[in-house]
Amino acid sequence: MARSLKKGPYVDERLLARLKERKQGDKSVLKTWSRRATITPEMVGFIFGVHNGKEFVAVPVTEEMVGHKLGEFSMTTKFSRHGGRMQKEIEQKTSEGPVASPTAGEKKTL
């Protein structure tokens, strides 16, 4: 646990103040740079635009997200697949589909 229990979860005060100005269920995006702010039950139902270093990623907050940080739902890096030429060959083989096995009447030649 990164923060001690006696301090409690970190929530950006300015973010909560802006949140109280809005009505529950408002579908407009609330932009924020505070990736370290913990999601509280008051935030459920709102859509946050969390900055990932380049752009704002829309994060609709649900009940399952309470207790997590806003930054967990806005990835800062783009995932590119692993591997090079070998991985590409493997993907091509799997995309071709299953290879038909020879029937009992046919002989297998090498």
N, C-alpha and C. Protein backbone atom coordinates (compact mmCIF):
# COMPACT_ATOMS: atom_id res chain seq x y z
N MET A 1 0.85 -1.18 0.00
CA MET A 1 0.00 0.00 0.00
C MET A 1 0.90 1.24 0.00
N ALA A 2 0.66 2.13 -0.93
CA ALA A 2 1.53 3.28 -1.11
C ALA A 2 1.28 4.39 -0.09
N ARG A 3 0.08 4.50 0.40
CA ARG A 3 -0.26 5.58 1.32
C ARG A 3 -0.71 4.99 2.65
N SER A 4 -0.28 5.61 3.76
CA SER A 4 -0.62 5.05 5.07
C SER A 4 -2.13 5.16 5.33
N LEU A 5 -2.63 4.27 6.14
CA LEU A 5 -4.07 4.24 6.42
C LEU A 5 -4.52 5.45 7.23
N LYS A 6 -3.65 5.98 8.08
CA LYS A 6 -4.07 7.13 8.88
C LYS A 6 -4.25 8.40 8.04
N LYS A 7 -3.55 8.48 6.91
CA LYS A 7 -3.71 9.63 6.01
C LYS A 7 -4.96 9.52 5.16
N GLY A 8 -5.34 8.32 4.81
CA GLY A 8 -6.51 8.13 3.98
C GLY A 8 -6.17 8.26 2.50
N PRO A 9 -7.14 8.01 1.62
CA PRO A 9 -6.87 8.09 0.18
C PRO A 9 -6.70 9.53 -0.27
N TYR A 10 -5.85 9.72 -1.30
CA TYR A 10 -5.64 11.06 -1.85
C TYR A 10 -6.72 11.35 -2.88
N VAL A 11 -7.41 12.46 -2.68
CA VAL A 11 -8.39 12.93 -3.65
C VAL A 11 -8.12 14.41 -3.86
N ASP A 12 -7.98 14.80 -5.11
CA ASP A 12 -7.70 16.20 -5.44
C ASP A 12 -8.89 17.06 -5.03
N GLU A 13 -8.65 18.06 -4.17
CA GLU A 13 -9.73 18.91 -3.66
C GLU A 13 -10.39 19.73 -4.77
N ARG A 14 -9.59 20.21 -5.73
CA ARG A 14 -10.15 20.99 -6.83
C ARG A 14 -11.05 20.12 -7.70
N LEU A 15 -10.68 18.85 -7.84
CA LEU A 15 -11.49 17.92 -8.62
C LEU A 15 -12.85 17.69 -7.96
N LEU A 16 -12.84 17.54 -6.63
CA LEU A 16 -14.10 17.35 -5.90
C LEU A 16 -14.97 18.60 -5.96
N ALA A 17 -14.34 19.78 -5.91
CA ALA A 17 -15.11 21.02 -5.98
C ALA A 17 -15.78 21.17 -7.34
N ARG A 18 -15.06 20.81 -8.41
CA ARG A 18 -15.65 20.88 -9.75
C ARG A 18 -16.73 19.82 -9.93
N LEU A 19 -16.57 18.70 -9.22
CA LEU A 19 -17.54 17.61 -9.30
C LEU A 19 -18.86 17.99 -8.63
N LYS A 20 -18.77 18.75 -7.52
CA LYS A 20 -19.98 19.15 -6.80
C LYS A 20 -20.82 20.15 -7.58
N GLU A 21 -20.19 20.87 -8.51
CA GLU A 21 -20.92 21.84 -9.33
C GLU A 21 -21.81 21.15 -10.37
N ARG A 22 -21.51 19.91 -10.69
CA ARG A 22 -22.25 19.18 -11.73
C ARG A 22 -23.36 18.35 -11.12
N LYS A 23 -24.36 18.05 -11.94
CA LYS A 23 -25.47 17.22 -11.50
C LYS A 23 -25.11 15.75 -11.68
N GLN A 24 -25.71 14.90 -10.85
CA GLN A 24 -25.47 13.46 -10.96
C GLN A 24 -25.96 12.95 -12.31
N GLY A 25 -25.14 12.16 -12.99
CA GLY A 25 -25.51 11.61 -14.29
C GLY A 25 -25.18 12.53 -15.45
N ASP A 26 -24.48 13.64 -15.19
CA ASP A 26 -24.09 14.56 -16.26
C ASP A 26 -23.11 13.85 -17.19
N LYS A 27 -23.39 13.85 -18.50
CA LYS A 27 -22.59 13.09 -19.46
C LYS A 27 -21.46 13.91 -20.10
N SER A 28 -21.24 15.13 -19.66
CA SER A 28 -20.13 15.92 -20.20
C SER A 28 -18.83 15.45 -19.55
N VAL A 29 -17.74 15.60 -20.28
CA VAL A 29 -16.44 15.11 -19.82
C VAL A 29 -15.78 16.14 -18.92
N LEU A 30 -15.32 15.70 -17.76
CA LEU A 30 -14.63 16.55 -16.79
C LEU A 30 -13.14 16.28 -16.93
N LYS A 31 -12.42 17.22 -17.58
CA LYS A 31 -10.99 17.02 -17.85
C LYS A 31 -10.16 17.21 -16.59
N THR A 32 -9.15 16.33 -16.43
CA THR A 32 -8.27 16.42 -15.28
C THR A 32 -6.89 15.90 -15.63
N TRP A 33 -5.89 16.46 -14.96
CA TRP A 33 -4.51 15.98 -15.08
C TRP A 33 -4.13 15.16 -13.85
N SER A 34 -5.03 15.09 -12.90
CA SER A 34 -4.75 14.42 -11.63
C SER A 34 -4.94 12.91 -11.77
N ARG A 35 -3.91 12.23 -12.24
CA ARG A 35 -3.95 10.79 -12.43
C ARG A 35 -3.84 10.05 -11.09
N ARG A 36 -3.29 10.71 -10.08
CA ARG A 36 -3.06 10.06 -8.79
C ARG A 36 -4.26 10.11 -7.86
N ALA A 37 -5.32 10.80 -8.26
CA ALA A 37 -6.50 10.92 -7.41
C ALA A 37 -7.23 9.58 -7.32
N THR A 38 -7.62 9.22 -6.10
CA THR A 38 -8.36 7.98 -5.88
C THR A 38 -9.82 8.19 -6.22
N ILE A 39 -10.43 7.18 -6.84
CA ILE A 39 -11.85 7.26 -7.20
C ILE A 39 -12.69 7.00 -5.95
N THR A 40 -13.61 7.92 -5.67
CA THR A 40 -14.49 7.82 -4.51
C THR A 40 -15.92 7.52 -4.97
N PRO A 41 -16.80 7.12 -4.06
CA PRO A 41 -18.18 6.83 -4.46
C PRO A 41 -18.93 8.04 -5.04
N GLU A 42 -18.50 9.27 -4.70
CA GLU A 42 -19.14 10.46 -5.25
C GLU A 42 -18.88 10.61 -6.75
N MET A 43 -17.84 9.96 -7.25
CA MET A 43 -17.45 10.09 -8.66
C MET A 43 -18.19 9.12 -9.58
N VAL A 44 -18.91 8.17 -9.01
CA VAL A 44 -19.59 7.15 -9.82
C VAL A 44 -20.66 7.80 -10.68
N GLY A 45 -20.67 7.46 -11.96
CA GLY A 45 -21.66 7.98 -12.89
C GLY A 45 -21.16 9.14 -13.73
N PHE A 46 -20.01 9.69 -13.41
CA PHE A 46 -19.45 10.79 -14.18
C PHE A 46 -18.42 10.28 -15.17
N ILE A 47 -18.11 11.09 -16.17
CA ILE A 47 -17.10 10.76 -17.16
C ILE A 47 -15.94 11.73 -16.99
N PHE A 48 -14.74 11.17 -16.76
CA PHE A 48 -13.55 11.98 -16.58
C PHE A 48 -12.68 11.87 -17.81
N GLY A 49 -12.08 12.98 -18.21
CA GLY A 49 -11.09 12.99 -19.27
C GLY A 49 -9.72 13.01 -18.60
N VAL A 50 -9.08 11.86 -18.50
CA VAL A 50 -7.81 11.73 -17.79
C VAL A 50 -6.68 11.90 -18.79
N HIS A 51 -5.76 12.80 -18.47
CA HIS A 51 -4.66 13.11 -19.39
C HIS A 51 -3.60 12.01 -19.31
N ASN A 52 -3.17 11.51 -20.49
CA ASN A 52 -2.16 10.44 -20.50
C ASN A 52 -0.80 10.94 -20.97
N GLY A 53 -0.62 12.25 -21.05
CA GLY A 53 0.63 12.83 -21.50
C GLY A 53 0.52 13.40 -22.89
N LYS A 54 -0.46 12.95 -23.65
CA LYS A 54 -0.64 13.40 -25.02
C LYS A 54 -2.06 13.90 -25.26
N GLU A 55 -3.04 13.17 -24.74
CA GLU A 55 -4.45 13.52 -24.97
C GLU A 55 -5.26 13.12 -23.74
N PHE A 56 -6.52 13.48 -23.75
CA PHE A 56 -7.42 13.13 -22.67
C PHE A 56 -8.19 11.88 -23.06
N VAL A 57 -8.15 10.87 -22.20
CA VAL A 57 -8.85 9.61 -22.44
C VAL A 57 -10.12 9.62 -21.60
N ALA A 58 -11.26 9.39 -22.24
CA ALA A 58 -12.55 9.39 -21.54
C ALA A 58 -12.65 8.13 -20.67
N VAL A 59 -12.90 8.34 -19.38
CA VAL A 59 -13.02 7.24 -18.43
C VAL A 59 -14.37 7.35 -17.73
N PRO A 60 -15.36 6.53 -18.12
CA PRO A 60 -16.63 6.53 -17.38
C PRO A 60 -16.46 5.74 -16.08
N VAL A 61 -16.76 6.33 -14.96
CA VAL A 61 -16.52 5.72 -13.65
C VAL A 61 -17.72 4.87 -13.25
N THR A 62 -17.43 3.61 -12.87
CA THR A 62 -18.46 2.68 -12.38
C THR A 62 -18.16 2.31 -10.94
N GLU A 63 -19.05 1.55 -10.32
CA GLU A 63 -18.89 1.18 -8.92
C GLU A 63 -17.68 0.29 -8.67
N GLU A 64 -17.31 -0.52 -9.66
CA GLU A 64 -16.18 -1.43 -9.49
C GLU A 64 -14.85 -0.69 -9.42
N MET A 65 -14.80 0.57 -9.89
CA MET A 65 -13.57 1.35 -9.93
C MET A 65 -13.26 2.06 -8.62
N VAL A 66 -14.18 2.07 -7.68
CA VAL A 66 -13.98 2.79 -6.42
C VAL A 66 -12.78 2.21 -5.69
N GLY A 67 -11.87 3.08 -5.27
CA GLY A 67 -10.67 2.67 -4.57
C GLY A 67 -9.44 2.63 -5.46
N HIS A 68 -9.63 2.62 -6.78
CA HIS A 68 -8.51 2.65 -7.71
C HIS A 68 -8.14 4.09 -8.03
N LYS A 69 -7.04 4.27 -8.74
CA LYS A 69 -6.60 5.60 -9.16
C LYS A 69 -7.12 5.89 -10.56
N LEU A 70 -7.34 7.16 -10.87
CA LEU A 70 -7.80 7.54 -12.21
C LEU A 70 -6.80 7.16 -13.29
N GLY A 71 -5.51 7.24 -12.98
CA GLY A 71 -4.48 6.94 -13.96
C GLY A 71 -4.42 5.49 -14.39
N GLU A 72 -5.01 4.60 -13.62
CA GLU A 72 -5.00 3.18 -13.97
C GLU A 72 -5.83 2.90 -15.22
N PHE A 73 -6.74 3.76 -15.54
CA PHE A 73 -7.65 3.53 -16.65
C PHE A 73 -7.31 4.37 -17.87
N SER A 74 -6.17 5.05 -17.83
CA SER A 74 -5.70 5.86 -18.95
C SER A 74 -4.25 5.49 -19.23
N MET A 75 -4.02 4.57 -20.16
CA MET A 75 -2.68 4.07 -20.44
C MET A 75 -1.81 5.16 -21.06
N THR A 76 -0.55 5.21 -20.62
CA THR A 76 0.37 6.24 -21.11
C THR A 76 1.22 5.75 -22.26
N THR A 77 1.27 4.44 -22.47
CA THR A 77 2.05 3.89 -23.58
C THR A 77 1.15 3.06 -24.48
N LYS A 78 1.52 3.00 -25.75
CA LYS A 78 0.76 2.23 -26.72
C LYS A 78 1.40 0.85 -26.84
N PHE A 79 0.62 -0.20 -26.73
CA PHE A 79 1.15 -1.55 -26.81
C PHE A 79 1.30 -1.96 -28.26
N SER A 80 2.50 -2.40 -28.62
CA SER A 80 2.71 -3.00 -29.92
C SER A 80 3.08 -4.45 -29.68
N ARG A 81 2.67 -5.30 -30.55
CA ARG A 81 2.83 -6.73 -30.31
C ARG A 81 4.30 -7.12 -30.15
N HIS A 82 4.51 -8.22 -29.49
CA HIS A 82 5.86 -8.72 -29.26
C HIS A 82 6.34 -9.49 -30.48
N GLY A 83 7.63 -9.57 -30.62
CA GLY A 83 8.21 -10.39 -31.67
C GLY A 83 8.38 -9.64 -32.97
N GLY A 84 9.14 -10.21 -33.85
CA GLY A 84 9.38 -9.61 -35.15
C GLY A 84 8.92 -10.54 -36.24
N ARG A 85 9.86 -11.00 -37.04
CA ARG A 85 9.55 -11.85 -38.18
C ARG A 85 8.96 -13.19 -37.73
N MET A 86 9.51 -13.77 -36.67
CA MET A 86 9.02 -15.07 -36.20
C MET A 86 7.57 -14.97 -35.73
N GLN A 87 7.24 -13.92 -35.02
CA GLN A 87 5.88 -13.74 -34.52
C GLN A 87 4.92 -13.54 -35.69
N LYS A 88 5.35 -12.84 -36.71
CA LYS A 88 4.51 -12.60 -37.89
C LYS A 88 4.21 -13.91 -38.61
N GLU A 89 5.21 -14.80 -38.72
CA GLU A 89 5.00 -16.09 -39.35
C GLU A 89 4.02 -16.94 -38.55
N ILE A 90 4.13 -16.90 -37.24
CA ILE A 90 3.22 -17.66 -36.38
C ILE A 90 1.80 -17.16 -36.55
N GLU A 91 1.61 -15.85 -36.59
CA GLU A 91 0.27 -15.28 -36.76
C GLU A 91 -0.31 -15.62 -38.11
N GLN A 92 0.51 -15.68 -39.15
CA GLN A 92 0.02 -16.03 -40.48
C GLN A 92 -0.44 -17.49 -40.51
N LYS A 93 0.29 -18.37 -39.85
CA LYS A 93 -0.09 -19.78 -39.81
C LYS A 93 -1.41 -19.98 -39.09
N THR A 94 -1.61 -19.25 -38.00
CA THR A 94 -2.86 -19.41 -37.25
C THR A 94 -4.03 -18.78 -37.99
N SER A 95 -3.79 -17.75 -38.78
CA SER A 95 -4.89 -17.11 -39.50
C SER A 95 -5.33 -17.92 -40.71
N GLU A 96 -4.46 -18.83 -41.23
CA GLU A 96 -4.82 -19.66 -42.37
C GLU A 96 -5.85 -20.71 -41.99
N GLY A 97 -5.95 -21.02 -40.73
CA GLY A 97 -6.92 -22.00 -40.28
C GLY A 97 -6.27 -23.35 -40.08
N PRO A 98 -7.05 -24.34 -39.62
CA PRO A 98 -6.49 -25.66 -39.38
C PRO A 98 -6.18 -26.36 -40.69
N VAL A 99 -5.08 -27.08 -40.69
CA VAL A 99 -4.67 -27.83 -41.87
C VAL A 99 -5.37 -29.17 -41.85
N ALA A 100 -5.97 -29.56 -42.99
CA ALA A 100 -6.69 -30.84 -43.06
C ALA A 100 -5.71 -31.99 -42.99
N SER A 101 -6.01 -32.95 -42.14
CA SER A 101 -5.14 -34.12 -42.03
C SER A 101 -5.48 -35.10 -43.15
N PRO A 102 -4.50 -35.87 -43.60
CA PRO A 102 -4.78 -36.82 -44.69
C PRO A 102 -5.77 -37.88 -44.25
N THR A 103 -6.63 -38.29 -45.15
CA THR A 103 -7.62 -39.31 -44.83
C THR A 103 -6.96 -40.67 -44.86
N ALA A 104 -7.71 -41.67 -44.50
CA ALA A 104 -7.15 -43.02 -44.39
C ALA A 104 -6.69 -43.54 -45.76
N GLY A 105 -7.33 -43.15 -46.86
CA GLY A 105 -6.98 -43.64 -48.18
C GLY A 105 -5.77 -42.97 -48.77
N GLU A 106 -5.40 -41.79 -48.29
CA GLU A 106 -4.27 -41.05 -48.87
C GLU A 106 -2.99 -41.37 -48.12
N LYS A 107 -1.88 -41.37 -48.85
CA LYS A 107 -0.58 -41.61 -48.24
C LYS A 107 0.08 -40.27 -47.94
N LYS A 108 0.76 -40.24 -46.85
CA LYS A 108 1.47 -39.02 -46.45
C LYS A 108 2.85 -39.04 -47.10
N THR A 109 3.18 -38.01 -47.88
CA THR A 109 4.47 -37.92 -48.54
C THR A 109 5.29 -36.82 -47.91
N LEU A 110 6.57 -37.02 -47.88
CA LEU A 110 7.45 -36.01 -47.28
C LEU A 110 8.14 -35.26 -48.34
